[in-house]
């Protein structure tokens, strides 16, 4: 018998959803930093075996009070996960509070597919606090089972996988067995660059940036080795942010390019020639046309 299904991971920003999916899929599918709102799109990770195929969906963190149309679009990505799941994983951690009238709580109460509570970051949480969280959450919502984990250390992630497999029904292969995601390589290249922006720059600047890979050409070096030539454009919301991204004498963007190129070469398993350009699009996070161009709207 071949089992298959869609497993959707939801929760607030920075609770470890991307880290969990990476631990389960075994590939670096979603960028991970210590800053919230890292994941902006719904990202599919596919895990296949001889007799199963699990299609994981990592969503943006739920934003309680969206400030921009971009964040509203991110929340819509989350809401679609309630419609097509065969199994749902709700990820939380100590210190999080949800009001009873929170839309997410209301949606979780209505879920008819198997729903699991994942309490993450147990490596930095007191055991008595974990027990308290398990009781509090299960008094509110009828979870099928609760699994305390450390996604970062892969503690109990194998248990999560086993429970998912147990609760999937017989089904077909939705994707070729060797496929890892539904996203093209250039999407992950743009995500790697955006990850480095989050790591290298401070305050609001990273959240005002979007990265688009405008050119992706596979060639060879003079020695015949594979080479990928990439041109990427970094969009910012204000001219002052452009100056910050570039830095004095271009030093900041040079460092960004070097750091991003290293990870892109690892990801593509090829030498990379990376060109970065910075463009200003005033208030792009509220611009319907730009949001469509960046993939936030259909």
Protein backbone atom coordinates (compact mmCIF):
# COMPACT_ATOMS: atom_id res chain seq x y z
CA UNK A 1 0.00 0.00 0.00
CA UNK A 2 1.27 3.47 -0.93
CA UNK A 3 0.40 6.30 1.47
CA UNK A 4 0.41 9.99 0.54
CA UNK A 5 -0.98 13.33 1.60
CA UNK A 6 -0.48 16.99 2.35
CA UNK A 7 0.91 17.98 5.76
CA UNK A 8 0.58 21.68 6.52
CA UNK A 9 2.63 23.43 9.20
CA UNK A 10 1.22 26.59 10.78
CA UNK A 11 2.09 28.88 13.68
CA UNK A 12 3.31 32.35 14.45
CA UNK A 13 6.54 33.86 13.12
CA UNK A 14 9.78 32.49 14.53
CA UNK A 15 8.37 29.43 16.34
CA UNK A 16 10.49 27.08 14.22
CA UNK A 17 8.17 25.97 11.40
CA UNK A 18 10.89 26.16 8.75
CA UNK A 19 13.40 24.41 11.02
CA UNK A 20 10.88 21.61 11.60
CA UNK A 21 10.19 21.15 7.89
CA UNK A 22 13.90 21.09 7.15
CA UNK A 23 14.39 18.46 9.86
CA UNK A 24 11.57 16.33 8.42
CA UNK A 25 12.43 16.70 4.73
CA UNK A 26 16.17 16.54 5.27
CA UNK A 27 16.93 19.41 2.91
CA UNK A 28 17.43 23.13 3.40
CA UNK A 29 14.03 23.99 1.96
CA UNK A 30 13.22 27.19 3.82
CA UNK A 31 15.59 29.93 4.86
CA UNK A 32 16.16 30.13 8.60
CA UNK A 33 17.30 33.12 10.62
CA UNK A 34 16.63 34.26 14.16
CA UNK A 35 14.41 37.05 12.85
CA UNK A 36 10.61 36.77 12.48
CA UNK A 37 8.80 36.92 9.14
CA UNK A 38 11.60 35.07 7.39
CA UNK A 39 9.27 32.89 5.31
CA UNK A 40 7.03 35.03 3.10
CA UNK A 41 5.63 32.42 0.70
CA UNK A 42 4.09 29.01 1.03
CA UNK A 43 6.95 26.59 0.39
CA UNK A 44 6.45 22.93 -0.49
CA UNK A 45 8.91 20.24 0.63
CA UNK A 46 8.43 16.70 -0.66
CA UNK A 47 9.56 13.61 1.24
CA UNK A 48 9.24 10.33 -0.65
CA UNK A 49 9.90 6.70 0.16
CA UNK A 50 9.10 3.45 -1.63
CA UNK A 51 5.64 3.28 -0.09
CA UNK A 52 4.85 6.89 0.84
CA UNK A 53 4.98 10.50 -0.28
CA UNK A 54 4.50 13.35 2.20
CA UNK A 55 4.02 16.86 0.80
CA UNK A 56 4.92 19.35 3.54
CA UNK A 57 3.83 22.96 3.36
CA UNK A 58 5.72 25.61 5.33
CA UNK A 59 3.75 28.84 5.58
CA UNK A 60 4.57 32.39 6.66
CA UNK A 61 4.00 33.05 10.33
CA UNK A 62 0.55 34.34 11.18
CA UNK A 63 0.68 38.13 11.54
CA UNK A 64 -1.91 39.37 14.02
CA UNK A 65 -2.12 42.99 12.84
CA UNK A 66 -0.92 43.29 9.23
CA UNK A 67 0.58 46.69 8.44
CA UNK A 68 0.94 46.20 4.69
CA UNK A 69 -0.89 44.52 1.82
CA UNK A 70 2.15 42.24 1.57
CA UNK A 71 1.45 40.96 5.09
CA UNK A 72 -2.24 40.51 4.26
CA UNK A 73 -1.17 38.37 1.30
CA UNK A 74 1.13 36.36 3.59
CA UNK A 75 -1.81 35.69 5.91
CA UNK A 76 -3.85 34.47 2.93
CA UNK A 77 -1.13 31.90 2.22
CA UNK A 78 -1.69 30.63 5.78
CA UNK A 79 -5.47 30.43 5.45
CA UNK A 80 -5.26 28.30 2.30
CA UNK A 81 -3.50 25.63 4.36
CA UNK A 82 -6.72 24.99 6.28
CA UNK A 83 -8.47 23.99 3.05
CA UNK A 84 -6.15 21.35 1.56
CA UNK A 85 -4.52 19.56 4.51
CA UNK A 86 -4.65 15.84 5.19
CA UNK A 87 -2.72 16.38 8.44
CA UNK A 88 -2.14 19.66 10.30
CA UNK A 89 0.79 20.52 12.55
CA UNK A 90 0.27 23.52 14.82
CA UNK A 91 3.63 24.73 16.14
CA UNK A 92 3.93 26.82 19.29
CA UNK A 93 6.41 27.49 22.10
CA UNK A 94 6.51 28.69 25.68
CA UNK A 95 5.48 32.31 26.14
CA UNK A 96 2.96 32.45 23.30
CA UNK A 97 -0.55 33.67 24.02
CA UNK A 98 -3.62 33.29 21.83
CA UNK A 99 -6.91 34.94 22.74
CA UNK A 100 -10.02 32.76 22.51
CA UNK A 101 -11.37 34.93 19.70
CA UNK A 102 -8.14 34.68 17.68
CA UNK A 103 -9.08 33.58 14.11
CA UNK A 104 -6.45 30.83 14.22
CA UNK A 105 -7.98 29.32 17.36
CA UNK A 106 -11.41 29.37 15.74
CA UNK A 107 -10.06 27.67 12.61
CA UNK A 108 -8.17 25.04 14.60
CA UNK A 109 -11.35 24.11 16.45
CA UNK A 110 -13.09 23.39 13.15
CA UNK A 111 -10.39 21.20 11.63
CA UNK A 112 -11.64 17.73 10.72
CA UNK A 113 -8.32 16.17 9.68
CA UNK A 114 -5.80 14.85 12.26
CA UNK A 115 -4.41 17.85 14.16
CA UNK A 116 -1.17 17.62 16.15
CA UNK A 117 0.21 20.09 18.66
CA UNK A 118 3.96 20.60 18.28
CA UNK A 119 5.57 22.33 21.26
CA UNK A 120 8.96 23.45 19.99
CA UNK A 121 12.18 24.60 21.66
CA UNK A 122 11.98 22.19 24.59
CA UNK A 123 15.77 22.40 24.82
CA UNK A 124 15.35 25.91 26.27
CA UNK A 125 12.11 25.33 28.21
CA UNK A 126 11.64 24.11 31.79
CA UNK A 127 10.01 20.62 31.94
CA UNK A 128 7.24 21.82 34.27
CA UNK A 129 6.43 24.58 31.79
CA UNK A 130 6.12 22.02 28.98
CA UNK A 131 3.67 19.95 31.04
CA UNK A 132 1.67 23.09 31.79
CA UNK A 133 1.54 24.00 28.07
CA UNK A 134 0.36 20.53 27.10
CA UNK A 135 -2.54 20.71 29.55
CA UNK A 136 -3.50 24.30 28.70
CA UNK A 137 -3.56 23.74 24.95
CA UNK A 138 -5.40 20.42 25.10
CA UNK A 139 -8.06 21.95 27.33
CA UNK A 140 -8.73 24.47 24.56
CA UNK A 141 -8.47 22.35 21.40
CA UNK A 142 -8.96 18.60 20.83
CA UNK A 143 -5.52 17.77 19.43
CA UNK A 144 -5.07 14.16 18.39
CA UNK A 145 -1.66 14.09 20.05
CA UNK A 146 0.95 16.48 21.46
CA UNK A 147 4.65 16.14 20.66
CA UNK A 148 7.22 18.28 22.52
CA UNK A 149 10.23 18.72 20.24
CA UNK A 150 13.42 20.61 19.57
CA UNK A 151 13.38 21.08 15.79
CA UNK A 152 16.87 22.58 15.91
CA UNK A 153 18.33 19.51 17.65
CA UNK A 154 15.93 17.09 15.89
CA UNK A 155 14.65 15.88 19.27
CA UNK A 156 11.42 13.89 18.74
CA UNK A 157 11.18 14.90 15.07
CA UNK A 158 11.30 11.21 14.13
CA UNK A 159 8.23 10.72 16.34
CA UNK A 160 6.47 13.48 14.39
CA UNK A 161 7.30 11.72 11.13
CA UNK A 162 5.99 8.38 12.45
CA UNK A 163 2.69 9.93 13.56
CA UNK A 164 2.24 11.66 10.20
CA UNK A 165 2.80 8.40 8.34
CA UNK A 166 0.36 6.55 10.61
CA UNK A 167 -2.35 9.12 9.89
CA UNK A 168 -2.02 9.34 6.12
CA UNK A 169 -4.36 7.30 3.94
CA UNK A 170 -3.64 5.32 0.81
CA UNK A 171 -2.91 7.66 -2.06
CA UNK A 172 -0.98 8.27 -5.28
CA UNK A 173 2.36 9.88 -6.05
CA UNK A 174 1.63 13.58 -6.48
CA UNK A 175 5.16 14.39 -7.63
CA UNK A 176 8.06 12.39 -9.10
CA UNK A 177 9.85 10.51 -6.32
CA UNK A 178 13.09 12.43 -6.81
CA UNK A 179 11.47 15.88 -6.66
CA UNK A 180 12.12 17.86 -3.47
CA UNK A 181 9.97 20.96 -3.96
CA UNK A 182 7.56 22.71 -6.31
CA UNK A 183 9.72 25.83 -6.43
CA UNK A 184 12.35 26.48 -9.15
CA UNK A 185 16.03 26.91 -8.35
CA UNK A 186 15.91 30.67 -8.89
CA UNK A 187 13.30 30.97 -6.12
CA UNK A 188 15.73 29.44 -3.62
CA UNK A 189 18.54 31.62 -4.91
CA UNK A 190 16.45 34.71 -4.16
CA UNK A 191 15.63 33.29 -0.71
CA UNK A 192 19.31 32.73 0.07
CA UNK A 193 20.11 36.33 -0.86
CA UNK A 194 17.20 37.57 1.26
CA UNK A 195 18.40 35.43 4.16
CA UNK A 196 21.80 37.13 4.02
CA UNK A 197 20.11 40.54 4.00
CA UNK A 198 18.28 39.54 7.17
CA UNK A 199 21.53 38.46 8.78
CA UNK A 200 23.76 41.34 7.69
CA UNK A 201 21.52 44.38 8.03
CA UNK A 202 19.74 45.89 11.01
CA UNK A 203 16.29 47.07 12.07
CA UNK A 204 13.67 47.70 9.40
CA UNK A 205 15.89 47.49 6.31
CA UNK A 206 15.67 43.68 5.78
CA UNK A 207 11.88 43.73 6.03
CA UNK A 208 11.69 46.43 3.35
CA UNK A 209 13.63 44.29 0.86
CA UNK A 210 12.49 41.88 -1.81
CA UNK A 211 14.81 39.93 -4.09
CA UNK A 212 14.08 38.94 -7.69
CA UNK A 213 16.39 36.80 -9.81
CA UNK A 214 16.18 38.44 -13.22
CA UNK A 215 18.70 36.22 -14.99
CA UNK A 216 19.84 32.65 -14.36
CA UNK A 217 22.13 31.17 -17.02
CA UNK A 218 23.94 27.85 -16.82
CA UNK A 219 27.26 27.92 -18.70
CA UNK A 220 30.77 26.58 -18.24
CA UNK A 221 34.15 28.04 -17.30
CA UNK A 222 37.15 28.05 -19.64
CA UNK A 223 38.14 24.76 -18.01
CA UNK A 224 34.76 23.24 -18.79
CA UNK A 225 33.48 23.32 -15.20
CA UNK A 226 29.81 24.22 -14.63
CA UNK A 227 29.15 27.90 -13.97
CA UNK A 228 25.86 29.66 -13.21
CA UNK A 229 25.63 33.37 -13.99
CA UNK A 230 23.00 35.07 -11.84
CA UNK A 231 21.72 38.63 -11.91
CA UNK A 232 19.54 39.50 -8.92
CA UNK A 233 17.75 42.73 -8.12
CA UNK A 234 17.13 43.87 -4.54
CA UNK A 235 14.09 46.11 -4.22
CA UNK A 236 13.84 48.54 -1.30
CA UNK A 237 11.11 50.95 -0.23
CA UNK A 238 13.19 54.13 0.20
CA UNK A 239 16.33 55.75 -1.23
CA UNK A 240 17.97 55.80 2.20
CA UNK A 241 17.62 52.02 2.35
CA UNK A 242 19.39 51.68 -1.01
CA UNK A 243 22.36 53.58 0.42
CA UNK A 244 22.42 51.26 3.44
CA UNK A 245 22.32 48.11 1.30
CA UNK A 246 25.19 49.36 -0.86
CA UNK A 247 27.23 50.76 2.04
CA UNK A 248 30.24 53.03 2.03
CA UNK A 249 32.33 52.46 -1.10
CA UNK A 250 30.07 49.51 -1.89
CA UNK A 251 31.50 47.46 0.97
CA UNK A 252 28.16 46.27 2.37
CA UNK A 253 26.77 44.92 -0.91
CA UNK A 254 30.15 43.35 -1.69
CA UNK A 255 30.00 41.41 1.60
CA UNK A 256 26.37 40.49 0.91
CA UNK A 257 27.32 39.15 -2.52
CA UNK A 258 30.21 37.11 -1.15
CA UNK A 259 28.14 35.53 1.64
CA UNK A 260 25.21 34.78 -0.67
CA UNK A 261 27.41 33.36 -3.43
CA UNK A 262 28.99 30.82 -1.07
CA UNK A 263 25.62 29.41 -0.03
CA UNK A 264 24.26 29.51 -3.59
CA UNK A 265 27.28 27.52 -4.80
CA UNK A 266 26.61 24.92 -2.10
CA UNK A 267 22.93 24.78 -3.02
CA UNK A 268 23.50 24.53 -6.79
CA UNK A 269 26.70 22.44 -6.51
CA UNK A 270 28.29 24.73 -9.07
CA UNK A 271 30.53 27.76 -9.35
CA UNK A 272 28.45 30.94 -9.36
CA UNK A 273 29.00 34.42 -10.78
CA UNK A 274 26.58 36.68 -8.87
CA UNK A 275 25.67 40.25 -9.75
CA UNK A 276 23.53 42.28 -7.33
CA UNK A 277 21.68 45.50 -8.14
CA UNK A 278 19.54 47.66 -5.86
CA UNK A 279 16.33 49.35 -7.04
CA UNK A 280 13.97 51.70 -5.19
CA UNK A 281 10.23 51.11 -5.44
CA UNK A 282 8.53 53.48 -3.03
CA UNK A 283 6.06 51.72 -0.72
CA UNK A 284 6.19 48.48 -2.71
CA UNK A 285 4.65 46.51 0.18
CA UNK A 286 1.33 48.26 -0.53
CA UNK A 287 1.66 48.29 -4.33
CA UNK A 288 -0.69 45.73 -5.91
CA UNK A 289 1.28 45.59 -9.18
CA UNK A 290 4.62 45.04 -7.43
CA UNK A 291 3.15 42.44 -5.09
CA UNK A 292 1.90 40.50 -8.12
CA UNK A 293 5.36 40.78 -9.71
CA UNK A 294 6.92 39.38 -6.52
CA UNK A 295 4.49 36.44 -6.40
CA UNK A 296 2.28 37.51 -3.51
CA UNK A 297 -0.84 37.71 -5.67
CA UNK A 298 -2.17 35.53 -8.45
